[in-house]
Amino acid sequence: ISGFMKPLLDRAFYADLQGNRNVFRLKPAAVVVVSRRA
């Protein structure tokens, strides 16, 4: 994944978990990736 996406998600998911906010928990999620070829 992009070098912008990884640190954002690492910190957001960690802060959410550690802070017990649960802003992501049990919300439906989908993921999409896009590349030129491989």
Full PDB file with SEQRES, HELIX, SHEET, SSBOND, CRYST1, ORIGX, SCALE, CONECT and MASTER records, all heavy atoms in Angstrom:
SEQRES   1 A   38  ILE SER GLY PHE MET LYS PRO LEU LEU ASP ARG ALA PHE          
SEQRES   2 A   38  TYR ALA ASP LEU GLN GLY ASN ARG ASN VAL PHE ARG LEU          
SEQRES   3 A   38  LYS PRO ALA ALA VAL VAL VAL VAL SER ARG ARG ALA              
HELIX    1 AA1 MET A    5  GLN A   18  1                                  14    
CRYST1    1.000    1.000    1.000  90.00  90.00  90.00 P 1           1          
ORIGX1      1.000000  0.000000  0.000000        0.00000                         
ORIGX2      0.000000  1.000000  0.000000        0.00000                         
ORIGX3      0.000000  0.000000  1.000000        0.00000                         
SCALE1      1.000000  0.000000  0.000000        0.00000                         
SCALE2      0.000000  1.000000  0.000000        0.00000                         
SCALE3      0.000000  0.000000  1.000000        0.00000                         
ATOM      1  N   ILE A   1       0.858  -1.183   0.000  1.00  0.00           N  
ATOM      2  CA  ILE A   1       0.000   0.000   0.000  1.00  0.00           C  
ATOM      3  C   ILE A   1       0.896   1.235   0.000  1.00  0.00           C  
ATOM      4  O   ILE A   1       2.080   1.156   0.305  1.00  0.00           O  
ATOM      5  CB  ILE A   1      -0.993  -0.002   1.193  1.00  0.00           C  
ATOM      6  CG1 ILE A   1      -0.287  -0.036   2.543  1.00  0.00           C  
ATOM      7  CG2 ILE A   1      -1.974  -1.146   1.044  1.00  0.00           C  
ATOM      8  CD1 ILE A   1      -1.222   0.059   3.737  1.00  0.00           C  
ATOM      9  N   SER A   2       0.323   2.358  -0.333  1.00  0.00           N  
ATOM     10  CA  SER A   2       1.122   3.572  -0.507  1.00  0.00           C  
ATOM     11  C   SER A   2       1.809   4.001   0.789  1.00  0.00           C  
ATOM     12  O   SER A   2       1.349   3.703   1.888  1.00  0.00           O  
ATOM     13  CB  SER A   2       0.255   4.712  -1.038  1.00  0.00           C  
ATOM     14  OG  SER A   2      -0.477   5.322  -0.001  1.00  0.00           O  
ATOM     15  N   GLY A   3       2.889   4.724   0.631  1.00  0.00           N  
ATOM     16  CA  GLY A   3       3.649   5.243   1.770  1.00  0.00           C  
ATOM     17  C   GLY A   3       2.896   6.313   2.541  1.00  0.00           C  
ATOM     18  O   GLY A   3       3.316   6.705   3.627  1.00  0.00           O  
ATOM     19  N   PHE A   4       1.782   6.775   2.011  1.00  0.00           N  
ATOM     20  CA  PHE A   4       0.921   7.711   2.739  1.00  0.00           C  
ATOM     21  C   PHE A   4      -0.088   6.922   3.581  1.00  0.00           C  
ATOM     22  O   PHE A   4      -0.430   7.298   4.684  1.00  0.00           O  
ATOM     23  CB  PHE A   4       0.157   8.620   1.765  1.00  0.00           C  
ATOM     24  CG  PHE A   4       1.045   9.396   0.841  1.00  0.00           C  
ATOM     25  CD1 PHE A   4       1.141   9.042  -0.504  1.00  0.00           C  
ATOM     26  CD2 PHE A   4       1.789  10.467   1.293  1.00  0.00           C  
ATOM     27  CE1 PHE A   4       1.968   9.742  -1.365  1.00  0.00           C  
ATOM     28  CE2 PHE A   4       2.620  11.171   0.437  1.00  0.00           C  
ATOM     29  CZ  PHE A   4       2.712  10.811  -0.891  1.00  0.00           C  
ATOM     30  N   MET A   5      -0.562   5.824   3.014  1.00  0.00           N  
ATOM     31  CA  MET A   5      -1.617   5.034   3.641  1.00  0.00           C  
ATOM     32  C   MET A   5      -1.118   4.263   4.865  1.00  0.00           C  
ATOM     33  O   MET A   5      -1.791   4.230   5.893  1.00  0.00           O  
ATOM     34  CB  MET A   5      -2.183   4.065   2.591  1.00  0.00           C  
ATOM     35  CG  MET A   5      -3.453   3.385   2.979  1.00  0.00           C  
ATOM     36  SD  MET A   5      -4.794   4.557   2.863  1.00  0.00           S  
ATOM     37  CE  MET A   5      -6.188   3.476   2.849  1.00  0.00           C  
ATOM     38  N   LYS A   6       0.045   3.645   4.755  1.00  0.00           N  
ATOM     39  CA  LYS A   6       0.520   2.780   5.836  1.00  0.00           C  
ATOM     40  C   LYS A   6       0.691   3.500   7.170  1.00  0.00           C  
ATOM     41  O   LYS A   6       0.143   3.052   8.175  1.00  0.00           O  
ATOM     42  CB  LYS A   6       1.807   2.068   5.444  1.00  0.00           C  
ATOM     43  CG  LYS A   6       2.292   1.154   6.584  1.00  0.00           C  
ATOM     44  CD  LYS A   6       3.193   0.080   6.143  1.00  0.00           C  
ATOM     45  CE  LYS A   6       3.659  -0.854   7.217  1.00  0.00           C  
ATOM     46  NZ  LYS A   6       3.102  -0.786   8.534  1.00  0.00           N  
ATOM     47  N   PRO A   7       1.439   4.615   7.244  1.00  0.00           N  
ATOM     48  CA  PRO A   7       1.583   5.250   8.563  1.00  0.00           C  
ATOM     49  C   PRO A   7       0.255   5.801   9.085  1.00  0.00           C  
ATOM     50  O   PRO A   7       0.008   5.789  10.293  1.00  0.00           O  
ATOM     51  CB  PRO A   7       2.604   6.363   8.333  1.00  0.00           C  
ATOM     52  CG  PRO A   7       2.670   6.574   6.869  1.00  0.00           C  
ATOM     53  CD  PRO A   7       2.250   5.285   6.230  1.00  0.00           C  
ATOM     54  N   LEU A   8      -0.604   6.260   8.188  1.00  0.00           N  
ATOM     55  CA  LEU A   8      -1.915   6.760   8.623  1.00  0.00           C  
ATOM     56  C   LEU A   8      -2.704   5.634   9.284  1.00  0.00           C  
ATOM     57  O   LEU A   8      -3.227   5.801  10.392  1.00  0.00           O  
ATOM     58  CB  LEU A   8      -2.703   7.327   7.437  1.00  0.00           C  
ATOM     59  CG  LEU A   8      -4.106   7.775   7.834  1.00  0.00           C  
ATOM     60  CD1 LEU A   8      -4.206   9.288   7.841  1.00  0.00           C  
ATOM     61  CD2 LEU A   8      -5.140   7.167   6.927  1.00  0.00           C  
ATOM     62  N   LEU A   9      -2.788   4.494   8.618  1.00  0.00           N  
ATOM     63  CA  LEU A   9      -3.563   3.387   9.173  1.00  0.00           C  
ATOM     64  C   LEU A   9      -2.894   2.789  10.400  1.00  0.00           C  
ATOM     65  O   LEU A   9      -3.582   2.442  11.368  1.00  0.00           O  
ATOM     66  CB  LEU A   9      -3.802   2.321   8.112  1.00  0.00           C  
ATOM     67  CG  LEU A   9      -4.690   2.749   6.942  1.00  0.00           C  
ATOM     68  CD1 LEU A   9      -4.848   1.610   5.952  1.00  0.00           C  
ATOM     69  CD2 LEU A   9      -6.038   3.257   7.420  1.00  0.00           C  
ATOM     70  N   ASP A  10      -1.573   2.664  10.395  1.00  0.00           N  
ATOM     71  CA  ASP A  10      -0.866   2.152  11.579  1.00  0.00           C  
ATOM     72  C   ASP A  10      -1.235   2.976  12.812  1.00  0.00           C  
ATOM     73  O   ASP A  10      -1.617   2.430  13.848  1.00  0.00           O  
ATOM     74  CB  ASP A  10       0.651   2.226  11.399  1.00  0.00           C  
ATOM     75  CG  ASP A  10       1.216   1.143  10.501  1.00  0.00           C  
ATOM     76  OD1 ASP A  10       0.475   0.223  10.085  1.00  0.00           O  
ATOM     77  OD2 ASP A  10       2.432   1.219  10.211  1.00  0.00           O  
ATOM     78  N   ARG A  11      -1.119   4.269  12.689  1.00  0.00           N  
ATOM     79  CA  ARG A  11      -1.369   5.140  13.843  1.00  0.00           C  
ATOM     80  C   ARG A  11      -2.837   5.252  14.177  1.00  0.00           C  
ATOM     81  O   ARG A  11      -3.223   5.260  15.349  1.00  0.00           O  
ATOM     82  CB  ARG A  11      -0.749   6.517  13.608  1.00  0.00           C  
ATOM     83  CG  ARG A  11       0.771   6.477  13.701  1.00  0.00           C  
ATOM     84  CD  ARG A  11       1.448   7.818  13.486  1.00  0.00           C  
ATOM     85  NE  ARG A  11       0.717   8.946  13.956  1.00  0.00           N  
ATOM     86  CZ  ARG A  11       0.549  10.075  13.240  1.00  0.00           C  
ATOM     87  NH1 ARG A  11       1.098  10.203  12.035  1.00  0.00           N  
ATOM     88  NH2 ARG A  11      -0.136  11.085  13.734  1.00  0.00           N  
ATOM     89  N   ALA A  12      -3.696   5.353  13.171  1.00  0.00           N  
ATOM     90  CA  ALA A  12      -5.133   5.499  13.438  1.00  0.00           C  
ATOM     91  C   ALA A  12      -5.694   4.262  14.131  1.00  0.00           C  
ATOM     92  O   ALA A  12      -6.402   4.368  15.142  1.00  0.00           O  
ATOM     93  CB  ALA A  12      -5.890   5.775  12.145  1.00  0.00           C  
ATOM     94  N   PHE A  13      -5.363   3.085  13.608  1.00  0.00           N  
ATOM     95  CA  PHE A  13      -5.890   1.867  14.214  1.00  0.00           C  
ATOM     96  C   PHE A  13      -5.279   1.619  15.591  1.00  0.00           C  
ATOM     97  O   PHE A  13      -5.962   1.151  16.499  1.00  0.00           O  
ATOM     98  CB  PHE A  13      -5.695   0.671  13.275  1.00  0.00           C  
ATOM     99  CG  PHE A  13      -6.783   0.570  12.238  1.00  0.00           C  
ATOM    100  CD1 PHE A  13      -6.720   1.324  11.078  1.00  0.00           C  
ATOM    101  CD2 PHE A  13      -7.875  -0.260  12.434  1.00  0.00           C  
ATOM    102  CE1 PHE A  13      -7.725   1.253  10.123  1.00  0.00           C  
ATOM    103  CE2 PHE A  13      -8.882  -0.350  11.489  1.00  0.00           C  
ATOM    104  CZ  PHE A  13      -8.813   0.408  10.327  1.00  0.00           C  
ATOM    105  N   TYR A  14      -4.001   1.959  15.757  1.00  0.00           N  
ATOM    106  CA  TYR A  14      -3.362   1.778  17.064  1.00  0.00           C  
ATOM    107  C   TYR A  14      -3.947   2.751  18.095  1.00  0.00           C  
ATOM    108  O   TYR A  14      -4.277   2.349  19.218  1.00  0.00           O  
ATOM    109  CB  TYR A  14      -1.843   1.969  16.948  1.00  0.00           C  
ATOM    110  CG  TYR A  14      -1.099   1.598  18.200  1.00  0.00           C  
ATOM    111  CD1 TYR A  14      -0.976   0.268  18.590  1.00  0.00           C  
ATOM    112  CD2 TYR A  14      -0.520   2.576  19.005  1.00  0.00           C  
ATOM    113  CE1 TYR A  14      -0.291  -0.079  19.746  1.00  0.00           C  
ATOM    114  CE2 TYR A  14       0.166   2.238  20.157  1.00  0.00           C  
ATOM    115  CZ  TYR A  14       0.273   0.908  20.521  1.00  0.00           C  
ATOM    116  OH  TYR A  14       0.948   0.563  21.670  1.00  0.00           O  
ATOM    117  N   ALA A  15      -4.092   4.020  17.724  1.00  0.00           N  
ATOM    118  CA  ALA A  15      -4.659   5.011  18.645  1.00  0.00           C  
ATOM    119  C   ALA A  15      -6.099   4.662  19.007  1.00  0.00           C  
ATOM    120  O   ALA A  15      -6.521   4.820  20.153  1.00  0.00           O  
ATOM    121  CB  ALA A  15      -4.582   6.409  18.037  1.00  0.00           C  
ATOM    122  N   ASP A  16      -6.840   4.162  18.027  1.00  0.00           N  
ATOM    123  CA  ASP A  16      -8.227   3.760  18.279  1.00  0.00           C  
ATOM    124  C   ASP A  16      -8.270   2.607  19.275  1.00  0.00           C  
ATOM    125  O   ASP A  16      -9.054   2.620  20.222  1.00  0.00           O  
ATOM    126  CB  ASP A  16      -8.887   3.359  16.956  1.00  0.00           C  
ATOM    127  CG  ASP A  16     -10.340   2.991  17.127  1.00  0.00           C  
ATOM    128  OD1 ASP A  16     -11.112   3.830  17.621  1.00  0.00           O  
ATOM    129  OD2 ASP A  16     -10.713   1.853  16.772  1.00  0.00           O  
ATOM    130  N   LEU A  17      -7.410   1.623  19.071  1.00  0.00           N  
ATOM    131  CA  LEU A  17      -7.363   0.468  19.964  1.00  0.00           C  
ATOM    132  C   LEU A  17      -6.887   0.862  21.364  1.00  0.00           C  
ATOM    133  O   LEU A  17      -7.530   0.539  22.366  1.00  0.00           O  
ATOM    134  CB  LEU A  17      -6.423  -0.592  19.381  1.00  0.00           C  
ATOM    135  CG  LEU A  17      -6.179  -1.829  20.232  1.00  0.00           C  
ATOM    136  CD1 LEU A  17      -7.451  -2.664  20.339  1.00  0.00           C  
ATOM    137  CD2 LEU A  17      -5.041  -2.653  19.659  1.00  0.00           C  
ATOM    138  N   GLN A  18      -5.767   1.579  21.437  1.00  0.00           N  
ATOM    139  CA  GLN A  18      -5.207   1.960  22.733  1.00  0.00           C  
ATOM    140  C   GLN A  18      -6.121   2.918  23.496  1.00  0.00           C  
ATOM    141  O   GLN A  18      -6.224   2.826  24.715  1.00  0.00           O  
ATOM    142  CB  GLN A  18      -3.823   2.602  22.552  1.00  0.00           C  
ATOM    143  CG  GLN A  18      -2.756   1.641  22.097  1.00  0.00           C  
ATOM    144  CD  GLN A  18      -2.515   0.540  23.124  1.00  0.00           C  
ATOM    145  OE1 GLN A  18      -2.310   0.795  24.309  1.00  0.00           O  
ATOM    146  NE2 GLN A  18      -2.550  -0.696  22.663  1.00  0.00           N  
ATOM    147  N   GLY A  19      -6.760   3.829  22.768  1.00  0.00           N  
ATOM    148  CA  GLY A  19      -7.648   4.796  23.408  1.00  0.00           C  
ATOM    149  C   GLY A  19      -9.043   4.268  23.659  1.00  0.00           C  
ATOM    150  O   GLY A  19      -9.896   4.966  24.195  1.00  0.00           O  
ATOM    151  N   ASN A  20      -9.283   3.004  23.254  1.00  0.00           N  
ATOM    152  CA  ASN A  20     -10.578   2.360  23.461  1.00  0.00           C  
ATOM    153  C   ASN A  20     -11.736   3.175  22.876  1.00  0.00           C  
ATOM    154  O   ASN A  20     -12.803   3.251  23.464  1.00  0.00           O  
ATOM    155  CB  ASN A  20     -10.810   2.064  24.944  1.00  0.00           C  
ATOM    156  CG  ASN A  20     -11.816   0.960  25.144  1.00  0.00           C  
ATOM    157  OD1 ASN A  20     -11.958   0.078  24.299  1.00  0.00           O  
ATOM    158  ND2 ASN A  20     -12.521   1.017  26.254  1.00  0.00           N  
ATOM    159  N   ARG A  21     -11.482   3.787  21.725  1.00  0.00           N  
ATOM    160  CA  ARG A  21     -12.525   4.594  21.074  1.00  0.00           C  
ATOM    161  C   ARG A  21     -13.507   3.734  20.290  1.00  0.00           C  
ATOM    162  O   ARG A  21     -14.673   4.053  20.197  1.00  0.00           O  
ATOM    163  CB  ARG A  21     -11.893   5.623  20.132  1.00  0.00           C  
ATOM    164  CG  ARG A  21     -11.231   6.765  20.862  1.00  0.00           C  
ATOM    165  CD  ARG A  21     -10.627   7.766  19.925  1.00  0.00           C  
ATOM    166  NE  ARG A  21     -11.620   8.503  19.170  1.00  0.00           N  
ATOM    167  CZ  ARG A  21     -11.368   9.624  18.517  1.00  0.00           C  
ATOM    168  NH1 ARG A  21     -10.165  10.132  18.526  1.00  0.00           N  
ATOM    169  NH2 ARG A  21     -12.305  10.243  17.845  1.00  0.00           N  
ATOM    170  N   ASN A  22     -13.011   2.695  19.662  1.00  0.00           N  
ATOM    171  CA  ASN A  22     -13.833   1.798  18.860  1.00  0.00           C  
ATOM    172  C   ASN A  22     -14.557   2.490  17.699  1.00  0.00           C  
ATOM    173  O   ASN A  22     -15.704   2.180  17.410  1.00  0.00           O  
ATOM    174  CB  ASN A  22     -14.850   1.058  19.734  1.00  0.00           C  
ATOM    175  CG  ASN A  22     -14.176   0.107  20.687  1.00  0.00           C  
ATOM    176  OD1 ASN A  22     -13.258  -0.600  20.326  1.00  0.00           O  
ATOM    177  ND2 ASN A  22     -14.610   0.124  21.936  1.00  0.00           N  
ATOM    178  N   VAL A  23     -13.879   3.423  17.044  1.00  0.00           N  
ATOM    179  CA  VAL A  23     -14.508   4.105  15.903  1.00  0.00           C  
ATOM    180  C   VAL A  23     -14.576   3.204  14.674  1.00  0.00           C  
ATOM    181  O   VAL A  23     -15.365   3.459  13.769  1.00  0.00           O  
ATOM    182  CB  VAL A  23     -13.818   5.446  15.543  1.00  0.00           C  
ATOM    183  CG1 VAL A  23     -13.868   6.410  16.708  1.00  0.00           C  
ATOM    184  CG2 VAL A  23     -12.409   5.246  15.054  1.00  0.00           C  
ATOM    185  N   PHE A  24     -13.777   2.148  14.635  1.00  0.00           N  
ATOM    186  CA  PHE A  24     -13.789   1.232  13.501  1.00  0.00           C  
ATOM    187  C   PHE A  24     -14.550  -0.059  13.813  1.00  0.00           C  
ATOM    188  O   PHE A  24     -15.149  -0.653  12.932  1.00  0.00           O  
ATOM    189  CB  PHE A  24     -12.350   0.873  13.095  1.00  0.00           C  
ATOM    190  CG  PHE A  24     -11.536   2.051  12.681  1.00  0.00           C  
ATOM    191  CD1 PHE A  24     -10.446   2.465  13.446  1.00  0.00           C  
ATOM    192  CD2 PHE A  24     -11.830   2.766  11.532  1.00  0.00           C  
ATOM    193  CE1 PHE A  24      -9.676   3.548  13.056  1.00  0.00           C  
ATOM    194  CE2 PHE A  24     -11.071   3.853  11.140  1.00  0.00           C  
ATOM    195  CZ  PHE A  24      -9.995   4.247  11.904  1.00  0.00           C  
ATOM    196  N   ARG A  25     -14.525  -0.482  15.041  1.00  0.00           N  
ATOM    197  CA  ARG A  25     -15.057  -1.788  15.448  1.00  0.00           C  
ATOM    198  C   ARG A  25     -16.494  -1.998  14.988  1.00  0.00           C  
ATOM    199  O   ARG A  25     -17.365  -1.167  15.196  1.00  0.00           O  
ATOM    200  CB  ARG A  25     -14.966  -1.927  16.962  1.00  0.00           C  
ATOM    201  CG  ARG A  25     -15.337  -3.290  17.457  1.00  0.00           C  
ATOM    202  CD  ARG A  25     -15.052  -3.446  18.946  1.00  0.00           C  
ATOM    203  NE  ARG A  25     -15.338  -4.784  19.366  1.00  0.00           N  
ATOM    204  CZ  ARG A  25     -16.529  -5.160  19.850  1.00  0.00           C  
ATOM    205  NH1 ARG A  25     -17.494  -4.278  19.998  1.00  0.00           N  
ATOM    206  NH2 ARG A  25     -16.725  -6.416  20.188  1.00  0.00           N  
ATOM    207  N   LEU A  26     -16.694  -3.134  14.340  1.00  0.00           N  
ATOM    208  CA  LEU A  26     -17.985  -3.633  13.862  1.00  0.00           C  
ATOM    209  C   LEU A  26     -18.624  -2.814  12.734  1.00  0.00           C  
ATOM    210  O   LEU A  26     -19.771  -3.061  12.371  1.00  0.00           O  
ATOM    211  CB  LEU A  26     -18.970  -3.816  15.018  1.00  0.00           C  
ATOM    212  CG  LEU A  26     -18.506  -4.780  16.115  1.00  0.00           C  
ATOM    213  CD1 LEU A  26     -19.538  -4.877  17.222  1.00  0.00           C  
ATOM    214  CD2 LEU A  26     -18.192  -6.160  15.548  1.00  0.00           C  
ATOM    215  N   LYS A  27     -17.885  -1.866  12.188  1.00  0.00           N  
ATOM    216  CA  LYS A  27     -18.384  -1.146  11.015  1.00  0.00           C  
ATOM    217  C   LYS A  27     -17.961  -1.919   9.773  1.00  0.00           C  
ATOM    218  O   LYS A  27     -16.798  -2.313   9.654  1.00  0.00           O  
ATOM    219  CB  LYS A  27     -17.815   0.272  10.956  1.00  0.00           C  
ATOM    220  CG  LYS A  27     -18.357   1.163  12.033  1.00  0.00           C  
ATOM    221  CD  LYS A  27     -17.836   2.572  11.905  1.00  0.00           C  
ATOM    222  CE  LYS A  27     -18.420   3.409  13.034  1.00  0.00           C  
ATOM    223  NZ  LYS A  27     -17.967   4.791  12.977  1.00  0.00           N  
ATOM    224  N   PRO A  28     -18.880  -2.163   8.844  1.00  0.00           N  
ATOM    225  CA  PRO A  28     -18.493  -2.861   7.618  1.00  0.00           C  
ATOM    226  C   PRO A  28     -17.382  -2.110   6.886  1.00  0.00           C  
ATOM    227  O   PRO A  28     -17.372  -0.875   6.852  1.00  0.00           O  
ATOM    228  CB  PRO A  28     -19.774  -2.873   6.785  1.00  0.00           C  
ATOM    229  CG  PRO A  28     -20.872  -2.666   7.763  1.00  0.00           C  
ATOM    230  CD  PRO A  28     -20.298  -1.820   8.865  1.00  0.00           C  
ATOM    231  N   ALA A  29     -16.456  -2.878   6.331  1.00  0.00           N  
ATOM    232  CA  ALA A  29     -15.323  -2.289   5.607  1.00  0.00           C  
ATOM    233  C   ALA A  29     -15.114  -3.033   4.292  1.00  0.00           C  
ATOM    234  O   ALA A  29     -15.403  -4.220   4.179  1.00  0.00           O  
ATOM    235  CB  ALA A  29     -14.056  -2.368   6.449  1.00  0.00           C  
ATOM    236  N   ALA A  30     -14.610  -2.307   3.332  1.00  0.00           N  
ATOM    237  CA  ALA A  30     -14.160  -2.903   2.074  1.00  0.00           C  
ATOM    238  C   ALA A  30     -12.807  -2.295   1.763  1.00  0.00           C  
ATOM    239  O   ALA A  30     -12.488  -1.195   2.227  1.00  0.00           O  
ATOM    240  CB  ALA A  30     -15.151  -2.633   0.952  1.00  0.00           C  
ATOM    241  N   VAL A  31     -12.016  -3.010   0.995  1.00  0.00           N  
ATOM    242  CA  VAL A  31     -10.707  -2.502   0.600  1.00  0.00           C  
ATOM    243  C   VAL A  31     -10.538  -2.648  -0.905  1.00  0.00           C  
ATOM    244  O   VAL A  31     -11.058  -3.582  -1.511  1.00  0.00           O  
ATOM    245  CB  VAL A  31      -9.550  -3.214   1.347  1.00  0.00           C  
ATOM    246  CG1 VAL A  31      -9.671  -3.014   2.844  1.00  0.00           C  
ATOM    247  CG2 VAL A  31      -9.497  -4.680   1.025  1.00  0.00           C  
ATOM    248  N   VAL A  32      -9.817  -1.690  -1.484  1.00  0.00           N  
ATOM    249  CA  VAL A  32      -9.588  -1.644  -2.928  1.00  0.00           C  
ATOM    250  C   VAL A  32      -8.138  -1.238  -3.158  1.00  0.00           C  
ATOM    251  O   VAL A  32      -7.640  -0.333  -2.495  1.00  0.00           O  
ATOM    252  CB  VAL A  32     -10.521  -0.597  -3.581  1.00  0.00           C  
ATOM    253  CG1 VAL A  32     -10.156  -0.354  -5.024  1.00  0.00           C  
ATOM    254  CG2 VAL A  32     -11.972  -1.005  -3.442  1.00  0.00           C  
ATOM    255  N   VAL A  33      -7.468  -1.914  -4.079  1.00  0.00           N  
ATOM    256  CA  VAL A  33      -6.120  -1.512  -4.475  1.00  0.00           C  
ATOM    257  C   VAL A  33      -6.080  -1.317  -5.984  1.00  0.00           C  
ATOM    258  O   VAL A  33      -6.798  -1.971  -6.732  1.00  0.00           O  
ATOM    259  CB  VAL A  33      -5.039  -2.520  -4.023  1.00  0.00           C  
ATOM    260  CG1 VAL A  33      -4.938  -2.554  -2.504  1.00  0.00           C  
ATOM    261  CG2 VAL A  33      -5.279  -3.905  -4.580  1.00  0.00           C  
ATOM    262  N   VAL A  34      -5.219  -0.398  -6.401  1.00  0.00           N  
ATOM    263  CA  VAL A  34      -5.112  -0.059  -7.814  1.00  0.00           C  
ATOM    264  C   VAL A  34      -3.644   0.011  -8.193  1.00  0.00           C  
ATOM    265  O   VAL A  34      -2.845   0.644  -7.499  1.00  0.00           O  
ATOM    266  CB  VAL A  34      -5.779   1.307  -8.091  1.00  0.00           C  
ATOM    267  CG1 VAL A  34      -5.702   1.658  -9.557  1.00  0.00           C  
ATOM    268  CG2 VAL A  34      -7.227   1.307  -7.617  1.00  0.00           C  
ATOM    269  N   SER A  35      -3.290  -0.660  -9.286  1.00  0.00           N  
ATOM    270  CA  SER A  35      -1.912  -0.602  -9.747  1.00  0.00           C  
ATOM    271  C   SER A  35      -1.871  -0.551 -11.265  1.00  0.00           C  
ATOM    272  O   SER A  35      -2.866  -0.831 -11.932  1.00  0.00           O  
ATOM    273  CB  SER A  35      -1.118  -1.821  -9.268  1.00  0.00           C  
ATOM    274  OG  SER A  35      -1.427  -2.954 -10.043  1.00  0.00           O  
ATOM    275  N   ARG A  36      -0.684  -0.244 -11.759  1.00  0.00           N  
ATOM    276  CA  ARG A  36      -0.488  -0.262 -13.200  1.00  0.00           C  
ATOM    277  C   ARG A  36      -0.587  -1.687 -13.712  1.00  0.00           C  
ATOM    278  O   ARG A  36      -1.233  -1.961 -14.695  1.00  0.00           O  
ATOM    279  CB  ARG A  36       0.870   0.345 -13.578  1.00  0.00           C  
ATOM    280  CG  ARG A  36       1.115   0.364 -15.074  1.00  0.00           C  
ATOM    281  CD  ARG A  36       2.527   0.798 -15.412  1.00  0.00           C  
ATOM    282  NE  ARG A  36       3.529  -0.171 -15.033  1.00  0.00           N  
ATOM    283  CZ  ARG A  36       3.862  -1.242 -15.754  1.00  0.00           C  
ATOM    284  NH1 ARG A  36       3.256  -1.495 -16.881  1.00  0.00           N  
ATOM    285  NH2 ARG A  36       4.790  -2.063 -15.328  1.00  0.00           N  
ATOM    286  N   ARG A  37       0.084  -2.610 -13.000  1.00  0.00           N  
ATOM    287  CA  ARG A  37       0.135  -3.972 -13.516  1.00  0.00           C  
ATOM    288  C   ARG A  37       0.219  -5.035 -12.419  1.00  0.00           C  
ATOM    289  O   ARG A  37      -0.546  -5.964 -12.397  1.00  0.00           O  
ATOM    290  CB  ARG A  37       1.321  -4.112 -14.463  1.00  0.00           C  
ATOM    291  CG  ARG A  37       1.411  -5.440 -15.140  1.00  0.00           C  
ATOM    292  CD  ARG A  37       2.498  -5.442 -16.209  1.00  0.00           C  
ATOM    293  NE  ARG A  37       2.571  -6.723 -16.833  1.00  0.00           N  
ATOM    294  CZ  ARG A  37       1.983  -7.020 -17.973  1.00  0.00           C  
ATOM    295  NH1 ARG A  37       1.258  -6.120 -18.597  1.00  0.00           N  
ATOM    296  NH2 ARG A  37       2.110  -8.214 -18.494  1.00  0.00           N  
ATOM    297  N   ALA A  38       1.200  -4.941 -11.544  1.00  0.00           N  
ATOM    298  CA  ALA A  38       1.447  -6.030 -10.594  1.00  0.00           C  
ATOM    299  C   ALA A  38       1.546  -5.490  -9.167  1.00  0.00           C  
ATOM    300  O   ALA A  38       1.558  -4.297  -8.944  1.00  0.00           O  
ATOM    301  CB  ALA A  38       2.744  -6.751 -10.970  1.00  0.00           C  
TER     302      ALA A  38                                                      
MASTER        0    0    0    1    0    0    0    6  301    1    0    3          
END                                                                             
